[in-house]
């Protein structure tokens, strides 16, 4: 069965969240280089923040306390951010395996560092690139994550946005009591 853009995004949307006219390449490039308006999202429930170029992403309804989904003007790229309790008490590597199995089966992973409290999964699947950063906070009791999913054909533009979002991301720990 062929893998569609929706089939790669659906598992990420479901896991990250219980929890628009086409822009020209020049405009996209300018936004990716930081000359466009940047917005910062702060998740009040889980305390994490990230910034993104508003020319690329518009918040998608419904807006929830657990997280957000932003969609590109053409609908082909998505930025997702959310948090959830680690209800099953999974370890970092166990959760990484779960994410790979449920969100990116059959993907070609080309970047996957694992550190003490976080990991990244990045690669391609059926013409879509994914970059997902997951951070365990509050001693592993909470999980913060964000992901950017975009067409491989637009890599030149969106790779810069991944770098900018990654630099801006700050994990939270708002509910560590």
Protein backbone atom coordinates (compact mmCIF):
# COMPACT_ATOMS: atom_id res chain seq x y z
CA UNK A 1 0.00 0.00 0.00
CA UNK A 2 1.51 3.40 -0.93
CA UNK A 3 2.35 5.75 1.90
CA UNK A 4 0.75 9.18 1.64
CA UNK A 5 1.56 12.47 3.35
CA UNK A 6 -1.48 11.89 5.58
CA UNK A 7 -0.38 8.36 6.54
CA UNK A 8 2.95 9.62 7.88
CA UNK A 9 1.38 12.59 9.65
CA UNK A 10 -1.60 10.84 11.25
CA UNK A 11 0.36 8.77 13.80
CA UNK A 12 2.44 11.80 14.78
CA UNK A 13 -0.69 13.93 15.16
CA UNK A 14 -2.37 11.26 17.28
CA UNK A 15 0.64 10.77 19.53
CA UNK A 16 1.76 14.38 19.87
CA UNK A 17 -1.71 15.76 20.44
CA UNK A 18 -4.27 14.28 22.72
CA UNK A 19 -1.84 16.03 23.80
CA UNK A 20 -2.17 28.52 3.76
CA UNK A 21 -1.88 30.43 -0.96
CA UNK A 22 1.47 29.25 -1.91
CA UNK A 23 4.41 31.46 -0.89
CA UNK A 24 7.15 32.01 -3.41
CA UNK A 25 10.46 30.23 -2.92
CA UNK A 26 12.13 33.60 -2.40
CA UNK A 27 9.69 34.51 0.37
CA UNK A 28 10.14 31.10 1.98
CA UNK A 29 13.91 31.42 1.82
CA UNK A 30 13.78 34.86 3.42
CA UNK A 31 11.57 33.59 6.23
CA UNK A 32 13.85 30.62 6.83
CA UNK A 33 16.82 32.96 7.11
CA UNK A 34 15.16 34.95 9.84
CA UNK A 35 14.04 38.06 7.93
CA UNK A 36 10.34 37.28 8.41
CA UNK A 37 8.16 37.54 11.48
CA UNK A 38 8.86 34.94 14.13
CA UNK A 39 6.30 33.82 16.70
CA UNK A 40 7.05 32.01 19.94
CA UNK A 41 4.71 29.37 21.27
CA UNK A 42 4.76 28.62 24.99
CA UNK A 43 2.86 25.61 26.18
CA UNK A 44 1.31 26.70 29.46
CA UNK A 45 0.58 23.15 30.62
CA UNK A 46 4.02 21.60 30.03
CA UNK A 47 6.19 24.73 30.00
CA UNK A 48 8.14 24.21 26.77
CA UNK A 49 8.68 26.90 24.13
CA UNK A 50 9.61 27.04 20.47
CA UNK A 51 9.69 29.72 17.80
CA UNK A 52 8.67 29.46 14.16
CA UNK A 53 8.34 31.72 11.09
CA UNK A 54 4.73 32.84 10.71
CA UNK A 55 5.02 33.01 6.89
CA UNK A 56 5.34 29.22 6.94
CA UNK A 57 2.83 28.08 9.50
CA UNK A 58 -0.68 28.95 10.65
CA UNK A 59 -2.19 27.35 13.77
CA UNK A 60 -4.78 24.69 12.96
CA UNK A 61 -7.95 24.31 14.99
CA UNK A 62 -8.65 23.00 17.51
CA UNK A 63 -6.12 24.72 19.73
CA UNK A 64 -5.59 22.52 22.76
CA UNK A 65 -3.86 22.88 26.09
CA UNK A 66 -1.66 19.85 25.38
CA UNK A 67 -0.20 21.19 22.15
CA UNK A 68 -0.59 22.68 18.71
CA UNK A 69 -0.48 21.85 15.02
CA UNK A 70 0.60 24.46 12.49
CA UNK A 71 0.07 23.98 8.75
CA UNK A 72 2.01 25.47 5.85
CA UNK A 73 0.17 27.71 3.38
CA UNK A 74 0.04 24.92 0.79
CA UNK A 75 -0.98 22.29 3.37
CA UNK A 76 2.03 20.07 2.62
CA UNK A 77 4.07 20.71 5.77
CA UNK A 78 3.16 20.49 9.43
CA UNK A 79 4.78 21.63 12.65
CA UNK A 80 3.49 19.79 15.70
CA UNK A 81 4.31 20.41 19.35
CA UNK A 82 2.85 18.88 22.45
CA UNK A 83 3.30 17.25 25.76
CA UNK A 84 1.90 14.28 27.59
CA UNK A 85 2.37 12.40 30.82
CA UNK A 86 4.55 9.31 30.60
CA UNK A 87 1.68 7.23 31.97
CA UNK A 88 3.30 3.89 31.12
CA UNK A 89 6.62 4.86 32.71
CA UNK A 90 8.57 4.08 29.54
CA UNK A 91 12.28 4.68 29.44
CA UNK A 92 13.72 7.02 26.82
CA UNK A 93 14.90 4.23 24.51
CA UNK A 94 11.64 2.31 24.91
CA UNK A 95 9.67 5.41 23.95
CA UNK A 96 12.01 6.03 21.01
CA UNK A 97 11.31 2.50 19.75
CA UNK A 98 7.56 3.11 20.16
CA UNK A 99 7.75 6.36 18.17
CA UNK A 100 9.71 4.64 15.39
CA UNK A 101 7.29 1.73 15.25
CA UNK A 102 4.06 3.77 15.40
CA UNK A 103 4.95 6.98 13.57
CA UNK A 104 7.66 6.06 11.09
CA UNK A 105 7.44 2.38 10.11
CA UNK A 106 9.60 1.59 7.09
CA UNK A 107 11.31 4.99 7.23
CA UNK A 108 14.91 5.58 6.32
CA UNK A 109 16.40 7.23 9.42
CA UNK A 110 19.50 9.31 8.77
CA UNK A 111 19.92 11.16 12.08
CA UNK A 112 19.03 9.70 15.47
CA UNK A 113 21.07 10.96 18.43
CA UNK A 114 20.07 9.80 21.91
CA UNK A 115 21.17 11.68 25.03
CA UNK A 116 20.32 11.35 28.73
CA UNK A 117 16.92 13.07 28.55
CA UNK A 118 16.17 13.48 24.83
CA UNK A 119 16.37 11.98 21.38
CA UNK A 120 15.87 13.04 17.77
CA UNK A 121 14.54 10.97 14.90
CA UNK A 122 15.02 12.35 11.41
CA UNK A 123 14.67 10.71 8.04
CA UNK A 124 12.42 10.13 5.08
CA UNK A 125 9.44 8.02 4.22
CA UNK A 126 7.63 8.08 0.90
CA UNK A 127 8.88 11.51 -0.13
CA UNK A 128 8.27 13.15 3.25
CA UNK A 129 11.01 14.26 5.62
CA UNK A 130 10.42 14.11 9.35
CA UNK A 131 12.39 15.63 12.20
CA UNK A 132 11.13 14.87 15.69
CA UNK A 133 12.69 15.97 18.96
CA UNK A 134 11.46 14.29 22.16
CA UNK A 135 12.49 15.38 25.65
CA UNK A 136 11.74 13.63 28.93
CA UNK A 137 11.21 16.16 31.72
CA UNK A 138 10.39 15.95 35.41
CA UNK A 139 12.55 12.88 35.88
CA UNK A 140 10.88 11.12 32.95
CA UNK A 141 7.31 11.67 34.17
CA UNK A 142 6.47 14.09 31.33
CA UNK A 143 7.26 14.03 27.63
CA UNK A 144 7.63 17.18 25.50
CA UNK A 145 8.01 16.83 21.76
CA UNK A 146 7.90 18.72 18.51
CA UNK A 147 8.06 17.49 14.95
CA UNK A 148 8.34 19.05 11.52
CA UNK A 149 7.06 17.04 8.53
CA UNK A 150 7.60 18.33 4.99
CA UNK A 151 8.00 17.21 1.38
CA UNK A 152 11.47 16.01 0.43
CA UNK A 153 11.29 18.26 -2.65
CA UNK A 154 11.20 21.28 -0.31
CA UNK A 155 14.16 20.19 1.81
CA UNK A 156 16.28 23.21 0.92
CA UNK A 157 13.74 25.55 2.48
CA UNK A 158 12.46 23.50 5.41
CA UNK A 159 15.83 22.21 6.62
CA UNK A 160 16.62 25.82 7.59
CA UNK A 161 13.38 26.03 9.51
CA UNK A 162 14.16 22.79 11.35
CA UNK A 163 17.48 24.32 12.40
CA UNK A 164 15.82 27.55 13.59
CA UNK A 165 13.06 25.77 15.53
CA UNK A 166 15.63 23.43 17.05
CA UNK A 167 17.77 26.34 18.24
CA UNK A 168 14.73 28.05 19.77
CA UNK A 169 13.24 25.00 21.51
CA UNK A 170 13.39 24.96 25.31
CA UNK A 171 11.97 21.94 27.15
CA UNK A 172 9.60 22.57 30.00
CA UNK A 173 8.91 21.21 33.40
CA UNK A 174 5.89 23.24 34.43
CA UNK A 175 4.17 20.36 36.25
CA UNK A 176 7.04 18.68 38.08
CA UNK A 177 5.51 18.95 41.54
